[in-house]
Amino acid sequence: LSPETFVDEILVKRYNAKSLACGFNYRFGKNASADAKELMKLCAER
């Protein structure tokens, strides 16, 4: 999944996430392309 799809489809749609926590070295998205900084940006937008 793309980083955006993971946040929107899994975290928001499936789990109704309003708050997240991850480690400083967390990576996600296809080929671990996104990091904690990217997740912070996606969270700020949502």
All heavy atoms as atom14 arrays in JSON, in Angstrom:
{
  "sequence": "LSPETFVDEILVKRYNAKSLACGFNYRFGKNASADAKELMKLCAER",
  "atom14_mask": [
    [1, 1, 1, 1, 1, 1, 1, 1, 0, 0, 0, 0, 0, 0],
    [1, 1, 1, 1, 1, 1, 0, 0, 0, 0, 0, 0, 0, 0],
    [1, 1, 1, 1, 1, 1, 1, 0, 0, 0, 0, 0, 0, 0],
    [1, 1, 1, 1, 1, 1, 1, 1, 1, 0, 0, 0, 0, 0],
    [1, 1, 1, 1, 1, 1, 1, 0, 0, 0, 0, 0, 0, 0],
    [1, 1, 1, 1, 1, 1, 1, 1, 1, 1, 1, 0, 0, 0],
    [1, 1, 1, 1, 1, 1, 1, 0, 0, 0, 0, 0, 0, 0],
    [1, 1, 1, 1, 1, 1, 1, 1, 0, 0, 0, 0, 0, 0],
    [1, 1, 1, 1, 1, 1, 1, 1, 1, 0, 0, 0, 0, 0],
    [1, 1, 1, 1, 1, 1, 1, 1, 0, 0, 0, 0, 0, 0],
    [1, 1, 1, 1, 1, 1, 1, 1, 0, 0, 0, 0, 0, 0],
    [1, 1, 1, 1, 1, 1, 1, 0, 0, 0, 0, 0, 0, 0],
    [1, 1, 1, 1, 1, 1, 1, 1, 1, 0, 0, 0, 0, 0],
    [1, 1, 1, 1, 1, 1, 1, 1, 1, 1, 1, 0, 0, 0],
    [1, 1, 1, 1, 1, 1, 1, 1, 1, 1, 1, 1, 0, 0],
    [1, 1, 1, 1, 1, 1, 1, 1, 0, 0, 0, 0, 0, 0],
    [1, 1, 1, 1, 1, 0, 0, 0, 0, 0, 0, 0, 0, 0],
    [1, 1, 1, 1, 1, 1, 1, 1, 1, 0, 0, 0, 0, 0],
    [1, 1, 1, 1, 1, 1, 0, 0, 0, 0, 0, 0, 0, 0],
    [1, 1, 1, 1, 1, 1, 1, 1, 0, 0, 0, 0, 0, 0],
    [1, 1, 1, 1, 1, 0, 0, 0, 0, 0, 0, 0, 0, 0],
    [1, 1, 1, 1, 1, 1, 0, 0, 0, 0, 0, 0, 0, 0],
    [1, 1, 1, 1, 0, 0, 0, 0, 0, 0, 0, 0, 0, 0],
    [1, 1, 1, 1, 1, 1, 1, 1, 1, 1, 1, 0, 0, 0],
    [1, 1, 1, 1, 1, 1, 1, 1, 0, 0, 0, 0, 0, 0],
    [1, 1, 1, 1, 1, 1, 1, 1, 1, 1, 1, 1, 0, 0],
    [1, 1, 1, 1, 1, 1, 1, 1, 1, 1, 1, 0, 0, 0],
    [1, 1, 1, 1, 1, 1, 1, 1, 1, 1, 1, 0, 0, 0],
    [1, 1, 1, 1, 0, 0, 0, 0, 0, 0, 0, 0, 0, 0],
    [1, 1, 1, 1, 1, 1, 1, 1, 1, 0, 0, 0, 0, 0],
    [1, 1, 1, 1, 1, 1, 1, 1, 0, 0, 0, 0, 0, 0],
    [1, 1, 1, 1, 1, 0, 0, 0, 0, 0, 0, 0, 0, 0],
    [1, 1, 1, 1, 1, 1, 0, 0, 0, 0, 0, 0, 0, 0],
    [1, 1, 1, 1, 1, 0, 0, 0, 0, 0, 0, 0, 0, 0],
    [1, 1, 1, 1, 1, 1, 1, 1, 0, 0, 0, 0, 0, 0],
    [1, 1, 1, 1, 1, 0, 0, 0, 0, 0, 0, 0, 0, 0],
    [1, 1, 1, 1, 1, 1, 1, 1, 1, 0, 0, 0, 0, 0],
    [1, 1, 1, 1, 1, 1, 1, 1, 1, 0, 0, 0, 0, 0],
    [1, 1, 1, 1, 1, 1, 1, 1, 0, 0, 0, 0, 0, 0],
    [1, 1, 1, 1, 1, 1, 1, 1, 0, 0, 0, 0, 0, 0],
    [1, 1, 1, 1, 1, 1, 1, 1, 1, 0, 0, 0, 0, 0],
    [1, 1, 1, 1, 1, 1, 1, 1, 0, 0, 0, 0, 0, 0],
    [1, 1, 1, 1, 1, 1, 0, 0, 0, 0, 0, 0, 0, 0],
    [1, 1, 1, 1, 1, 0, 0, 0, 0, 0, 0, 0, 0, 0],
    [1, 1, 1, 1, 1, 1, 1, 1, 1, 0, 0, 0, 0, 0],
    [1, 1, 1, 1, 1, 1, 1, 1, 1, 1, 1, 0, 0, 0]
  ],
  "atom14_positions": [
    [[0.84, -1.21, 0.0], [0.0, 0.0, 0.0], [0.87, 1.25, 0.0], [1.95, 1.28, 0.59], [-0.9, 0.03, 1.25], [-1.88, -1.12, 1.45], [-2.68, -0.9, 2.73], [-2.83, -1.26, 0.26], [0.0, 0.0, 0.0], [0.0, 0.0, 0.0], [0.0, 0.0, 0.0], [0.0, 0.0, 0.0], [0.0, 0.0, 0.0], [0.0, 0.0, 0.0]],
    [[0.36, 2.3, -0.64], [1.06, 3.59, -0.54], [0.89, 4.1, 0.89], [-0.04, 3.7, 1.6], [0.45, 4.6, -1.52], [-0.84, 4.98, -1.07], [0.0, 0.0, 0.0], [0.0, 0.0, 0.0], [0.0, 0.0, 0.0], [0.0, 0.0, 0.0], [0.0, 0.0, 0.0], [0.0, 0.0, 0.0], [0.0, 0.0, 0.0], [0.0, 0.0, 0.0]],
    [[1.78, 5.0, 1.34], [1.64, 5.55, 2.7], [0.25, 6.14, 2.95], [-0.35, 5.92, 4.0], [2.73, 6.62, 2.76], [3.77, 6.15, 1.79], [3.02, 5.49, 0.69], [0.0, 0.0, 0.0], [0.0, 0.0, 0.0], [0.0, 0.0, 0.0], [0.0, 0.0, 0.0], [0.0, 0.0, 0.0], [0.0, 0.0, 0.0], [0.0, 0.0, 0.0]],
    [[-0.28, 6.88, 1.95], [-1.6, 7.52, 2.11], [-2.7, 6.47, 2.24], [-3.59, 6.61, 3.08], [-1.91, 8.43, 0.89], [-1.0, 9.63, 0.75], [0.31, 9.3, 0.04], [0.55, 8.11, -0.33], [1.13, 10.22, -0.11], [0.0, 0.0, 0.0], [0.0, 0.0, 0.0], [0.0, 0.0, 0.0], [0.0, 0.0, 0.0], [0.0, 0.0, 0.0]],
    [[-2.62, 5.43, 1.41], [-3.66, 4.38, 1.46], [-3.63, 3.65, 2.79], [-4.67, 3.33, 3.37], [-3.47, 3.39, 0.29], [-3.48, 4.12, -0.93], [-4.59, 2.35, 0.26], [0.0, 0.0, 0.0], [0.0, 0.0, 0.0], [0.0, 0.0, 0.0], [0.0, 0.0, 0.0], [0.0, 0.0, 0.0], [0.0, 0.0, 0.0], [0.0, 0.0, 0.0]],
    [[-2.43, 3.38, 3.3], [-2.3, 2.71, 4.6], [-2.98, 3.54, 5.69], [-3.76, 3.01, 6.49], [-0.82, 2.49, 4.95], [-0.61, 1.98, 6.35], [-1.06, 0.73, 6.74], [0.05, 2.77, 7.29], [-0.87, 0.26, 8.04], [0.25, 2.31, 8.59], [-0.21, 1.06, 8.97], [0.0, 0.0, 0.0], [0.0, 0.0, 0.0], [0.0, 0.0, 0.0]],
    [[-2.72, 4.84, 5.71], [-3.33, 5.71, 6.74], [-4.84, 5.77, 6.55], [-5.6, 5.59, 7.52], [-2.7, 7.13, 6.7], [-3.46, 8.08, 7.62], [-1.23, 7.06, 7.11], [0.0, 0.0, 0.0], [0.0, 0.0, 0.0], [0.0, 0.0, 0.0], [0.0, 0.0, 0.0], [0.0, 0.0, 0.0], [0.0, 0.0, 0.0], [0.0, 0.0, 0.0]],
    [[-5.28, 5.99, 5.31], [-6.72, 6.21, 5.08], [-7.55, 4.92, 5.19], [-8.59, 4.9, 5.85], [-6.95, 6.84, 3.7], [-6.47, 8.29, 3.66], [-6.46, 8.94, 4.73], [-6.1, 8.77, 2.57], [0.0, 0.0, 0.0], [0.0, 0.0, 0.0], [0.0, 0.0, 0.0], [0.0, 0.0, 0.0], [0.0, 0.0, 0.0], [0.0, 0.0, 0.0]],
    [[-7.07, 3.86, 4.55], [-7.88, 2.63, 4.48], [-7.75, 1.75, 5.73], [-8.73, 1.16, 6.18], [-7.49, 1.81, 3.23], [-7.85, 2.47, 1.93], [-9.35, 2.71, 1.78], [-10.14, 1.8, 2.1], [-9.73, 3.82, 1.35], [0.0, 0.0, 0.0], [0.0, 0.0, 0.0], [0.0, 0.0, 0.0], [0.0, 0.0, 0.0], [0.0, 0.0, 0.0]],
    [[-6.55, 1.67, 6.26], [-6.33, 0.77, 7.41], [-6.53, 1.53, 8.73], [-7.39, 1.17, 9.54], [-4.92, 0.13, 7.36], [-4.7, -0.61, 6.03], [-4.74, -0.82, 8.55], [-5.59, -1.81, 5.76], [0.0, 0.0, 0.0], [0.0, 0.0, 0.0], [0.0, 0.0, 0.0], [0.0, 0.0, 0.0], [0.0, 0.0, 0.0], [0.0, 0.0, 0.0]],
    [[-5.76, 2.57, 8.93], [-5.79, 3.24, 10.24], [-7.09, 4.0, 10.48], [-7.71, 3.87, 11.53], [-4.59, 4.19, 10.38], [-3.21, 3.52, 10.27], [-2.1, 4.54, 10.47], [-3.07, 2.4, 11.3], [0.0, 0.0, 0.0], [0.0, 0.0, 0.0], [0.0, 0.0, 0.0], [0.0, 0.0, 0.0], [0.0, 0.0, 0.0], [0.0, 0.0, 0.0]],
    [[-7.53, 4.79, 9.48], [-8.72, 5.63, 9.69], [-10.0, 4.82, 9.48], [-10.85, 4.74, 10.36], [-8.69, 6.87, 8.76], [-10.0, 7.66, 8.9], [-7.5, 7.75, 9.1], [0.0, 0.0, 0.0], [0.0, 0.0, 0.0], [0.0, 0.0, 0.0], [0.0, 0.0, 0.0], [0.0, 0.0, 0.0], [0.0, 0.0, 0.0], [0.0, 0.0, 0.0]],
    [[-10.11, 4.19, 8.3], [-11.37, 3.51, 7.95], [-11.6, 2.27, 8.81], [-12.69, 2.05, 9.35], [-11.33, 3.11, 6.47], [-12.68, 3.14, 5.78], [-12.42, 2.99, 4.29], [-13.7, 2.95, 3.49], [-13.36, 2.87, 2.04], [0.0, 0.0, 0.0], [0.0, 0.0, 0.0], [0.0, 0.0, 0.0], [0.0, 0.0, 0.0], [0.0, 0.0, 0.0]],
    [[-10.56, 1.43, 8.95], [-10.75, 0.16, 9.67], [-10.74, 0.35, 11.18], [-11.54, -0.25, 11.88], [-9.67, -0.84, 9.27], [-9.9, -2.21, 9.9], [-8.86, -3.23, 9.48], [-8.87, -3.47, 8.05], [-8.07, -4.35, 7.44], [-7.22, -5.06, 8.15], [-8.11, -4.52, 6.14], [0.0, 0.0, 0.0], [0.0, 0.0, 0.0], [0.0, 0.0, 0.0]],
    [[-9.83, 1.17, 11.67], [-9.65, 1.25, 13.14], [-10.1, 2.57, 13.76], [-10.03, 2.73, 14.98], [-8.18, 0.98, 13.5], [-7.73, -0.4, 13.11], [-6.74, -0.59, 12.14], [-8.32, -1.54, 13.68], [-6.34, -1.87, 11.77], [-7.92, -2.8, 13.3], [-6.93, -2.97, 12.35], [-6.54, -4.23, 11.98], [0.0, 0.0, 0.0], [0.0, 0.0, 0.0]],
    [[-10.56, 3.51, 12.92], [-11.03, 4.81, 13.44], [-9.96, 5.48, 14.3], [-10.22, 5.98, 15.4], [-12.33, 4.63, 14.24], [-13.02, 5.95, 14.53], [-12.77, 6.95, 13.85], [-13.87, 5.98, 15.54], [0.0, 0.0, 0.0], [0.0, 0.0, 0.0], [0.0, 0.0, 0.0], [0.0, 0.0, 0.0], [0.0, 0.0, 0.0], [0.0, 0.0, 0.0]],
    [[-8.72, 5.48, 13.79], [-7.59, 6.04, 14.54], [-7.7, 7.55, 14.68], [-7.87, 8.26, 13.71], [-6.29, 5.68, 13.85], [0.0, 0.0, 0.0], [0.0, 0.0, 0.0], [0.0, 0.0, 0.0], [0.0, 0.0, 0.0], [0.0, 0.0, 0.0], [0.0, 0.0, 0.0], [0.0, 0.0, 0.0], [0.0, 0.0, 0.0], [0.0, 0.0, 0.0]],
    [[-7.63, 8.02, 15.92], [-7.62, 9.47, 16.22], [-6.27, 9.87, 16.8], [-5.95, 11.05, 16.9], [-8.72, 9.82, 17.23], [-10.13, 9.48, 16.77], [-10.59, 10.37, 15.66], [-12.07, 10.11, 15.32], [-12.48, 10.79, 14.09], [0.0, 0.0, 0.0], [0.0, 0.0, 0.0], [0.0, 0.0, 0.0], [0.0, 0.0, 0.0], [0.0, 0.0, 0.0]],
    [[-5.51, 8.87, 17.25], [-4.2, 9.12, 17.83], [-3.28, 7.95, 17.49], [-3.71, 6.79, 17.53], [-4.34, 9.27, 19.35], [-3.08, 9.37, 19.96], [0.0, 0.0, 0.0], [0.0, 0.0, 0.0], [0.0, 0.0, 0.0], [0.0, 0.0, 0.0], [0.0, 0.0, 0.0], [0.0, 0.0, 0.0], [0.0, 0.0, 0.0], [0.0, 0.0, 0.0]],
    [[-2.03, 8.25, 17.12], [-1.07, 7.21, 16.77], [0.2, 7.4, 17.59], [0.5, 8.5, 18.03], [-0.69, 7.31, 15.28], [-1.79, 7.21, 14.24], [-1.21, 7.44, 12.85], [-2.49, 5.86, 14.3], [0.0, 0.0, 0.0], [0.0, 0.0, 0.0], [0.0, 0.0, 0.0], [0.0, 0.0, 0.0], [0.0, 0.0, 0.0], [0.0, 0.0, 0.0]],
    [[0.95, 6.31, 17.73], [2.3, 6.41, 18.28], [3.18, 5.44, 17.49], [2.73, 4.37, 17.08], [2.33, 6.05, 19.76], [0.0, 0.0, 0.0], [0.0, 0.0, 0.0], [0.0, 0.0, 0.0], [0.0, 0.0, 0.0], [0.0, 0.0, 0.0], [0.0, 0.0, 0.0], [0.0, 0.0, 0.0], [0.0, 0.0, 0.0], [0.0, 0.0, 0.0]],
    [[4.43, 5.86, 17.25], [5.39, 4.99, 16.58], [6.78, 5.34, 17.09], [6.98, 6.36, 17.75], [5.32, 5.15, 15.05], [5.87, 6.77, 14.47], [0.0, 0.0, 0.0], [0.0, 0.0, 0.0], [0.0, 0.0, 0.0], [0.0, 0.0, 0.0], [0.0, 0.0, 0.0], [0.0, 0.0, 0.0], [0.0, 0.0, 0.0], [0.0, 0.0, 0.0]],
    [[7.74, 4.49, 16.79], [9.12, 4.76, 17.17], [9.78, 5.72, 16.19], [9.3, 5.89, 15.06], [0.0, 0.0, 0.0], [0.0, 0.0, 0.0], [0.0, 0.0, 0.0], [0.0, 0.0, 0.0], [0.0, 0.0, 0.0], [0.0, 0.0, 0.0], [0.0, 0.0, 0.0], [0.0, 0.0, 0.0], [0.0, 0.0, 0.0], [0.0, 0.0, 0.0]],
    [[10.89, 6.29, 16.59], [11.63, 7.26, 15.76], [12.07, 6.67, 14.42], [12.22, 7.37, 13.42], [12.88, 7.74, 16.53], [13.93, 6.69, 16.71], [15.06, 6.67, 15.91], [13.77, 5.66, 17.65], [16.02, 5.67, 16.05], [14.73, 4.66, 17.79], [15.86, 4.67, 17.0], [0.0, 0.0, 0.0], [0.0, 0.0, 0.0], [0.0, 0.0, 0.0]],
    [[12.25, 5.33, 14.38], [12.76, 4.68, 13.16], [11.67, 3.91, 12.41], [11.96, 3.05, 11.59], [13.92, 3.74, 13.51], [13.53, 2.7, 14.56], [12.41, 2.75, 15.1], [14.42, 1.78, 14.86], [0.0, 0.0, 0.0], [0.0, 0.0, 0.0], [0.0, 0.0, 0.0], [0.0, 0.0, 0.0], [0.0, 0.0, 0.0], [0.0, 0.0, 0.0]],
    [[10.41, 4.24, 12.67], [9.28, 3.53, 12.03], [9.27, 3.81, 10.53], [9.46, 4.94, 10.09], [7.97, 4.01, 12.66], [6.73, 3.39, 12.05], [6.46, 2.04, 12.2], [5.81, 4.17, 11.32], [5.33, 1.46, 11.65], [4.68, 3.6, 10.77], [4.44, 2.25, 10.93], [3.32, 1.68, 10.38], [0.0, 0.0, 0.0], [0.0, 0.0, 0.0]],
    [[9.04, 2.76, 9.75], [8.9, 2.92, 8.3], [7.65, 2.16, 7.84], [7.27, 1.15, 8.43], [10.13, 2.39, 7.57], [11.42, 3.11, 7.95], [12.5, 2.95, 6.92], [12.23, 3.7, 5.71], [12.6, 4.97, 5.5], [13.25, 5.63, 6.42], [12.32, 5.57, 4.36], [0.0, 0.0, 0.0], [0.0, 0.0, 0.0], [0.0, 0.0, 0.0]],
    [[7.02, 2.67, 6.79], [5.79, 2.04, 6.3], [5.6, 2.39, 4.83], [6.39, 3.14, 4.24], [4.59, 2.52, 7.14], [4.25, 3.98, 6.98], [3.09, 4.38, 6.31], [5.07, 4.98, 7.49], [2.77, 5.72, 6.16], [4.77, 6.32, 7.35], [3.61, 6.7, 6.68], [0.0, 0.0, 0.0], [0.0, 0.0, 0.0], [0.0, 0.0, 0.0]],
    [[4.53, 1.84, 4.23], [4.29, 2.05, 2.81], [5.11, 1.1, 1.97], [6.02, 0.42, 2.45], [0.0, 0.0, 0.0], [0.0, 0.0, 0.0], [0.0, 0.0, 0.0], [0.0, 0.0, 0.0], [0.0, 0.0, 0.0], [0.0, 0.0, 0.0], [0.0, 0.0, 0.0], [0.0, 0.0, 0.0], [0.0, 0.0, 0.0], [0.0, 0.0, 0.0]],
    [[4.78, 1.02, 0.68], [5.44, 0.09, -0.23], [6.96, 0.29, -0.2], [7.44, 1.42, -0.26], [4.92, 0.29, -1.66], [5.38, -0.79, -2.6], [4.67, -0.75, -3.93], [5.16, -1.9, -4.8], [4.45, -1.98, -6.06], [0.0, 0.0, 0.0], [0.0, 0.0, 0.0], [0.0, 0.0, 0.0], [0.0, 0.0, 0.0], [0.0, 0.0, 0.0]],
    [[7.7, -0.81, -0.08], [9.17, -0.8, 0.01], [9.67, 0.05, 1.18], [10.77, 0.62, 1.12], [9.81, -0.31, -1.3], [9.44, -1.2, -2.47], [9.35, -2.42, -2.32], [9.21, -0.6, -3.62], [0.0, 0.0, 0.0], [0.0, 0.0, 0.0], [0.0, 0.0, 0.0], [0.0, 0.0, 0.0], [0.0, 0.0, 0.0], [0.0, 0.0, 0.0]],
    [[8.85, 0.16, 2.24], [9.21, 0.96, 3.43], [9.65, 2.37, 3.02], [10.62, 2.92, 3.52], [10.31, 0.26, 4.23], [0.0, 0.0, 0.0], [0.0, 0.0, 0.0], [0.0, 0.0, 0.0], [0.0, 0.0, 0.0], [0.0, 0.0, 0.0], [0.0, 0.0, 0.0], [0.0, 0.0, 0.0], [0.0, 0.0, 0.0], [0.0, 0.0, 0.0]],
    [[8.88, 2.94, 2.07], [9.28, 4.22, 1.46], [9.05, 5.43, 2.37], [9.67, 6.47, 2.18], [8.49, 4.42, 0.16], [7.09, 4.37, 0.44], [0.0, 0.0, 0.0], [0.0, 0.0, 0.0], [0.0, 0.0, 0.0], [0.0, 0.0, 0.0], [0.0, 0.0, 0.0], [0.0, 0.0, 0.0], [0.0, 0.0, 0.0], [0.0, 0.0, 0.0]],
    [[8.17, 5.31, 3.36], [7.84, 6.46, 4.21], [8.37, 6.26, 5.62], [8.47, 5.15, 6.11], [6.33, 6.68, 4.23], [0.0, 0.0, 0.0], [0.0, 0.0, 0.0], [0.0, 0.0, 0.0], [0.0, 0.0, 0.0], [0.0, 0.0, 0.0], [0.0, 0.0, 0.0], [0.0, 0.0, 0.0], [0.0, 0.0, 0.0], [0.0, 0.0, 0.0]],
    [[8.69, 7.39, 6.28], [9.21, 7.32, 7.65], [8.31, 8.07, 8.63], [7.21, 8.51, 8.25], [10.64, 7.88, 7.7], [10.72, 9.34, 7.23], [9.64, 9.97, 7.05], [11.84, 9.83, 7.03], [0.0, 0.0, 0.0], [0.0, 0.0, 0.0], [0.0, 0.0, 0.0], [0.0, 0.0, 0.0], [0.0, 0.0, 0.0], [0.0, 0.0, 0.0]],
    [[8.76, 8.21, 9.86], [7.94, 8.85, 10.91], [7.61, 10.3, 10.55], [6.52, 10.79, 10.83], [8.67, 8.79, 12.25], [0.0, 0.0, 0.0], [0.0, 0.0, 0.0], [0.0, 0.0, 0.0], [0.0, 0.0, 0.0], [0.0, 0.0, 0.0], [0.0, 0.0, 0.0], [0.0, 0.0, 0.0], [0.0, 0.0, 0.0], [0.0, 0.0, 0.0]],
    [[8.54, 10.98, 9.87], [8.33, 12.38, 9.46], [7.16, 12.47, 8.47], [6.3, 13.34, 8.56], [9.6, 12.92, 8.83], [9.8, 14.42, 9.04], [11.19, 14.86, 8.61], [12.14, 14.87, 9.8], [13.45, 15.42, 9.46], [0.0, 0.0, 0.0], [0.0, 0.0, 0.0], [0.0, 0.0, 0.0], [0.0, 0.0, 0.0], [0.0, 0.0, 0.0]],
    [[7.14, 11.52, 7.53], [6.07, 11.46, 6.54], [4.73, 11.16, 7.23], [3.69, 11.73, 6.89], [6.39, 10.37, 5.51], [5.29, 10.06, 4.5], [5.15, 11.12, 3.41], [5.93, 12.07, 3.37], [4.2, 10.97, 2.62], [0.0, 0.0, 0.0], [0.0, 0.0, 0.0], [0.0, 0.0, 0.0], [0.0, 0.0, 0.0], [0.0, 0.0, 0.0]],
    [[4.77, 10.27, 8.23], [3.54, 9.94, 8.96], [3.02, 11.17, 9.72], [1.81, 11.41, 9.77], [3.8, 8.78, 9.93], [2.58, 8.25, 10.7], [1.49, 7.76, 9.75], [2.98, 7.12, 11.65], [0.0, 0.0, 0.0], [0.0, 0.0, 0.0], [0.0, 0.0, 0.0], [0.0, 0.0, 0.0], [0.0, 0.0, 0.0], [0.0, 0.0, 0.0]],
    [[3.93, 11.96, 10.28], [3.52, 13.18, 10.98], [2.81, 14.13, 10.02], [1.79, 14.75, 10.36], [4.75, 13.88, 11.58], [5.31, 13.16, 12.79], [6.93, 13.81, 13.3], [6.4, 15.26, 14.21], [0.0, 0.0, 0.0], [0.0, 0.0, 0.0], [0.0, 0.0, 0.0], [0.0, 0.0, 0.0], [0.0, 0.0, 0.0], [0.0, 0.0, 0.0]],
    [[3.32, 14.24, 8.79], [2.72, 15.11, 7.77], [1.31, 14.62, 7.41], [0.35, 15.39, 7.37], [3.63, 15.11, 6.54], [3.17, 15.99, 5.38], [4.26, 16.0, 4.3], [3.7, 16.31, 2.92], [2.87, 15.24, 2.35], [0.0, 0.0, 0.0], [0.0, 0.0, 0.0], [0.0, 0.0, 0.0], [0.0, 0.0, 0.0], [0.0, 0.0, 0.0]],
    [[1.19, 13.29, 7.17], [-0.12, 12.73, 6.82], [-1.12, 12.91, 7.96], [-2.31, 13.16, 7.73], [0.03, 11.24, 6.47], [0.83, 10.92, 5.2], [1.09, 9.42, 5.09], [0.09, 11.43, 3.96], [0.0, 0.0, 0.0], [0.0, 0.0, 0.0], [0.0, 0.0, 0.0], [0.0, 0.0, 0.0], [0.0, 0.0, 0.0], [0.0, 0.0, 0.0]],
    [[-0.64, 12.78, 9.2], [-1.52, 12.94, 10.37], [-1.97, 14.39, 10.51], [-3.14, 14.65, 10.83], [-0.79, 12.5, 11.64], [-0.68, 10.71, 11.78], [0.0, 0.0, 0.0], [0.0, 0.0, 0.0], [0.0, 0.0, 0.0], [0.0, 0.0, 0.0], [0.0, 0.0, 0.0], [0.0, 0.0, 0.0], [0.0, 0.0, 0.0], [0.0, 0.0, 0.0]],
    [[-1.06, 15.32, 10.27], [-1.41, 16.75, 10.37], [-2.52, 17.09, 9.38], [-3.48, 17.81, 9.72], [-0.17, 17.61, 10.12], [0.0, 0.0, 0.0], [0.0, 0.0, 0.0], [0.0, 0.0, 0.0], [0.0, 0.0, 0.0], [0.0, 0.0, 0.0], [0.0, 0.0, 0.0], [0.0, 0.0, 0.0], [0.0, 0.0, 0.0], [0.0, 0.0, 0.0]],
    [[-2.42, 16.54, 8.17], [-3.44, 16.8, 7.13], [-4.8, 16.22, 7.51], [-5.84, 16.71, 7.09], [-2.99, 16.2, 5.79], [-1.81, 16.92, 5.15], [-1.14, 16.08, 4.07], [-1.63, 14.97, 3.77], [-0.12, 16.55, 3.51], [0.0, 0.0, 0.0], [0.0, 0.0, 0.0], [0.0, 0.0, 0.0], [0.0, 0.0, 0.0], [0.0, 0.0, 0.0]],
    [[-4.78, 15.17, 8.32], [-6.04, 14.47, 8.68], [-6.47, 14.75, 10.12], [-7.4, 14.13, 10.62], [-5.85, 12.97, 8.47], [-5.74, 12.59, 6.99], [-4.97, 11.29, 6.79], [-4.89, 10.93, 5.38], [-4.05, 11.49, 4.51], [-3.22, 12.44, 4.91], [-4.04, 11.1, 3.25], [0.0, 0.0, 0.0], [0.0, 0.0, 0.0], [0.0, 0.0, 0.0]]
  ]
}
